Amino acid sequence: MLAEEAAAVIGCRAHDIRTLILAGLLKPLGDPPANSIKYFAATHIHQLASDEKWLGKMTMALNDHWTEHNKKRKEKSDCR
Protein backbone atom coordinates (compact mmCIF):
# COMPACT_ATOMS: atom_id res chain seq x y z
CA MET A 1 0.00 0.00 0.00
CA LEU A 2 1.14 3.56 -0.66
CA ALA A 3 1.99 6.05 2.08
CA GLU A 4 -1.31 7.88 1.58
CA GLU A 5 -3.26 4.67 2.07
CA ALA A 6 -1.19 3.68 5.11
CA ALA A 7 -1.79 7.12 6.64
CA ALA A 8 -5.55 6.75 6.22
CA VAL A 9 -5.52 3.36 7.93
CA ILE A 10 -3.41 4.40 10.94
CA GLY A 11 -5.16 7.75 11.31
CA CYS A 12 -2.55 10.34 10.39
CA ARG A 13 -1.79 12.56 7.41
CA ALA A 14 0.24 11.42 4.43
CA HIS A 15 3.01 13.92 5.17
CA ASP A 16 3.38 12.41 8.67
CA ILE A 17 4.54 9.08 7.24
CA ARG A 18 8.05 10.46 6.67
CA THR A 19 8.23 11.51 10.33
CA LEU A 20 7.17 8.03 11.45
CA ILE A 21 9.82 6.43 9.23
CA LEU A 22 12.51 8.74 10.63
CA ALA A 23 11.33 7.96 14.18
CA GLY A 24 11.72 4.24 13.46
CA LEU A 25 8.02 3.52 13.92
CA LEU A 26 7.37 2.56 10.30
CA LYS A 27 9.52 0.74 7.79
CA PRO A 28 8.78 0.76 4.07
CA LEU A 29 9.10 -2.41 2.05
CA GLY A 30 12.53 -3.08 0.59
CA ASP A 31 15.22 -0.44 0.84
CA PRO A 32 13.88 2.46 -1.23
CA PRO A 33 15.99 5.58 -1.88
CA ALA A 34 15.06 8.64 0.18
CA ASN A 35 13.25 10.41 -2.65
CA SER A 36 11.27 7.44 -3.99
CA ILE A 37 7.71 6.26 -3.49
CA LYS A 38 7.37 4.17 -0.33
CA TYR A 39 5.24 1.04 -0.14
CA PHE A 40 4.05 -0.68 3.04
CA ALA A 41 2.68 -4.15 3.78
CA ALA A 42 -1.07 -3.83 4.22
CA THR A 43 -1.22 -6.59 6.84
CA HIS A 44 1.44 -4.87 8.95
CA ILE A 45 -0.26 -1.46 8.69
CA HIS A 46 -3.59 -2.98 9.78
CA GLN A 47 -1.86 -4.65 12.75
CA LEU A 48 -0.34 -1.32 13.79
CA ALA A 49 -3.72 0.40 13.47
CA SER A 50 -5.14 -1.95 16.09
CA ASP A 51 -2.15 -1.75 18.45
CA GLU A 52 -3.01 0.83 21.11
CA LYS A 53 0.54 0.95 22.45
CA TRP A 54 1.98 1.66 18.98
CA LEU A 55 -0.69 4.28 18.31
CA GLY A 56 0.38 6.03 21.52
CA LYS A 57 4.01 6.02 20.34
CA MET A 58 2.91 7.35 16.95
CA THR A 59 0.97 10.16 18.56
CA MET A 60 3.89 11.16 20.78
CA ALA A 61 6.35 11.06 17.85
CA LEU A 62 4.10 13.30 15.77
CA ASN A 63 3.46 15.67 18.69
CA ASP A 64 7.19 15.94 19.36
CA HIS A 65 7.94 16.54 15.69
CA TRP A 66 5.36 19.29 15.26
CA THR A 67 6.23 20.92 18.59
CA GLU A 68 9.87 21.16 17.49
CA HIS A 69 8.89 22.28 14.00
CA ASN A 70 6.68 25.08 15.34
CA LYS A 71 9.30 26.11 17.90
CA LYS A 72 11.92 26.53 15.15
CA ARG A 73 9.44 28.42 13.00
CA LYS A 74 8.62 30.80 15.86
CA GLU A 75 12.31 31.37 16.62
CA LYS A 76 12.91 32.16 12.97
CA SER A 77 10.08 34.71 12.92
CA ASP A 78 11.25 36.28 16.20
CA CYS A 79 14.66 37.02 14.66
CA ARG A 80 13.13 39.30 12.02
C-alpha atoms as a PDB file:
ATOM      1  CA  MET A   1       0.000   0.000   0.000  1.00  0.00           C
ATOM      2  CA  LEU A   2       1.137   3.562  -0.657  1.00  0.00           C
ATOM      3  CA  ALA A   3       1.990   6.048   2.084  1.00  0.00           C
ATOM      4  CA  GLU A   4      -1.312   7.883   1.578  1.00  0.00           C
ATOM      5  CA  GLU A   5      -3.260   4.666   2.071  1.00  0.00           C
ATOM      6  CA  ALA A   6      -1.194   3.682   5.110  1.00  0.00           C
ATOM      7  CA  ALA A   7      -1.789   7.121   6.643  1.00  0.00           C
ATOM      8  CA  ALA A   8      -5.547   6.754   6.224  1.00  0.00           C
ATOM      9  CA  VAL A   9      -5.523   3.356   7.933  1.00  0.00           C
ATOM     10  CA  ILE A  10      -3.408   4.400  10.943  1.00  0.00           C
ATOM     11  CA  GLY A  11      -5.159   7.751  11.314  1.00  0.00           C
ATOM     12  CA  CYS A  12      -2.553  10.338  10.389  1.00  0.00           C
ATOM     13  CA  ARG A  13      -1.791  12.557   7.413  1.00  0.00           C
ATOM     14  CA  ALA A  14       0.238  11.418   4.428  1.00  0.00           C
ATOM     15  CA  HIS A  15       3.014  13.923   5.171  1.00  0.00           C
ATOM     16  CA  ASP A  16       3.382  12.413   8.670  1.00  0.00           C
ATOM     17  CA  ILE A  17       4.544   9.081   7.237  1.00  0.00           C
ATOM     18  CA  ARG A  18       8.053  10.464   6.670  1.00  0.00           C
ATOM     19  CA  THR A  19       8.233  11.509  10.328  1.00  0.00           C
ATOM     20  CA  LEU A  20       7.169   8.030  11.448  1.00  0.00           C
ATOM     21  CA  ILE A  21       9.817   6.435   9.233  1.00  0.00           C
ATOM     22  CA  LEU A  22      12.515   8.742  10.632  1.00  0.00           C
ATOM     23  CA  ALA A  23      11.335   7.957  14.178  1.00  0.00           C
ATOM     24  CA  GLY A  24      11.722   4.238  13.465  1.00  0.00           C
ATOM     25  CA  LEU A  25       8.024   3.516  13.921  1.00  0.00           C
ATOM     26  CA  LEU A  26       7.367   2.564  10.298  1.00  0.00           C
ATOM     27  CA  LYS A  27       9.518   0.740   7.793  1.00  0.00           C
ATOM     28  CA  PRO A  28       8.776   0.760   4.072  1.00  0.00           C
ATOM     29  CA  LEU A  29       9.098  -2.414   2.049  1.00  0.00           C
ATOM     30  CA  GLY A  30      12.525  -3.083   0.589  1.00  0.00           C
ATOM     31  CA  ASP A  31      15.215  -0.441   0.839  1.00  0.00           C
ATOM     32  CA  PRO A  32      13.879   2.462  -1.228  1.00  0.00           C
ATOM     33  CA  PRO A  33      15.992   5.576  -1.885  1.00  0.00           C
ATOM     34  CA  ALA A  34      15.060   8.639   0.177  1.00  0.00           C
ATOM     35  CA  ASN A  35      13.247  10.407  -2.653  1.00  0.00           C
ATOM     36  CA  SER A  36      11.274   7.439  -3.992  1.00  0.00           C
ATOM     37  CA  ILE A  37       7.708   6.260  -3.493  1.00  0.00           C
ATOM     38  CA  LYS A  38       7.369   4.171  -0.333  1.00  0.00           C
ATOM     39  CA  TYR A  39       5.238   1.037  -0.138  1.00  0.00           C
ATOM     40  CA  PHE A  40       4.052  -0.676   3.039  1.00  0.00           C
ATOM     41  CA  ALA A  41       2.677  -4.148   3.782  1.00  0.00           C
ATOM     42  CA  ALA A  42      -1.068  -3.831   4.221  1.00  0.00           C
ATOM     43  CA  THR A  43      -1.222  -6.590   6.837  1.00  0.00           C
ATOM     44  CA  HIS A  44       1.436  -4.867   8.946  1.00  0.00           C
ATOM     45  CA  ILE A  45      -0.263  -1.464   8.687  1.00  0.00           C
ATOM     46  CA  HIS A  46      -3.589  -2.983   9.781  1.00  0.00           C
ATOM     47  CA  GLN A  47      -1.861  -4.651  12.752  1.00  0.00           C
ATOM     48  CA  LEU A  48      -0.340  -1.322  13.791  1.00  0.00           C
ATOM     49  CA  ALA A  49      -3.716   0.403  13.467  1.00  0.00           C
ATOM     50  CA  SER A  50      -5.144  -1.953  16.085  1.00  0.00           C
ATOM     51  CA  ASP A  51      -2.148  -1.748  18.453  1.00  0.00           C
ATOM     52  CA  GLU A  52      -3.008   0.829  21.114  1.00  0.00           C
ATOM     53  CA  LYS A  53       0.542   0.954  22.447  1.00  0.00           C
ATOM     54  CA  TRP A  54       1.983   1.658  18.982  1.00  0.00           C
ATOM     55  CA  LEU A  55      -0.689   4.277  18.305  1.00  0.00           C
ATOM     56  CA  GLY A  56       0.385   6.033  21.517  1.00  0.00           C
ATOM     57  CA  LYS A  57       4.012   6.022  20.344  1.00  0.00           C
ATOM     58  CA  MET A  58       2.907   7.347  16.950  1.00  0.00           C
ATOM     59  CA  THR A  59       0.965  10.163  18.565  1.00  0.00           C
ATOM     60  CA  MET A  60       3.888  11.159  20.776  1.00  0.00           C
ATOM     61  CA  ALA A  61       6.353  11.063  17.854  1.00  0.00           C
ATOM     62  CA  LEU A  62       4.099  13.296  15.768  1.00  0.00           C
ATOM     63  CA  ASN A  63       3.456  15.666  18.688  1.00  0.00           C
ATOM     64  CA  ASP A  64       7.195  15.935  19.365  1.00  0.00           C
ATOM     65  CA  HIS A  65       7.940  16.538  15.688  1.00  0.00           C
ATOM     66  CA  TRP A  66       5.360  19.293  15.264  1.00  0.00           C
ATOM     67  CA  THR A  67       6.227  20.917  18.590  1.00  0.00           C
ATOM     68  CA  GLU A  68       9.866  21.157  17.494  1.00  0.00           C
ATOM     69  CA  HIS A  69       8.895  22.278  14.005  1.00  0.00           C
ATOM     70  CA  ASN A  70       6.683  25.077  15.340  1.00  0.00           C
ATOM     71  CA  LYS A  71       9.301  26.109  17.896  1.00  0.00           C
ATOM     72  CA  LYS A  72      11.919  26.530  15.149  1.00  0.00           C
ATOM     73  CA  ARG A  73       9.441  28.422  13.003  1.00  0.00           C
ATOM     74  CA  LYS A  74       8.619  30.796  15.862  1.00  0.00           C
ATOM     75  CA  GLU A  75      12.312  31.366  16.624  1.00  0.00           C
ATOM     76  CA  LYS A  76      12.907  32.159  12.970  1.00  0.00           C
ATOM     77  CA  SER A  77      10.082  34.707  12.916  1.00  0.00           C
ATOM     78  CA  ASP A  78      11.246  36.280  16.203  1.00  0.00           C
ATOM     79  CA  CYS A  79      14.659  37.020  14.658  1.00  0.00           C
ATOM     80  CA  ARG A  80      13.128  39.296  12.018  1.00  0.00           C
END
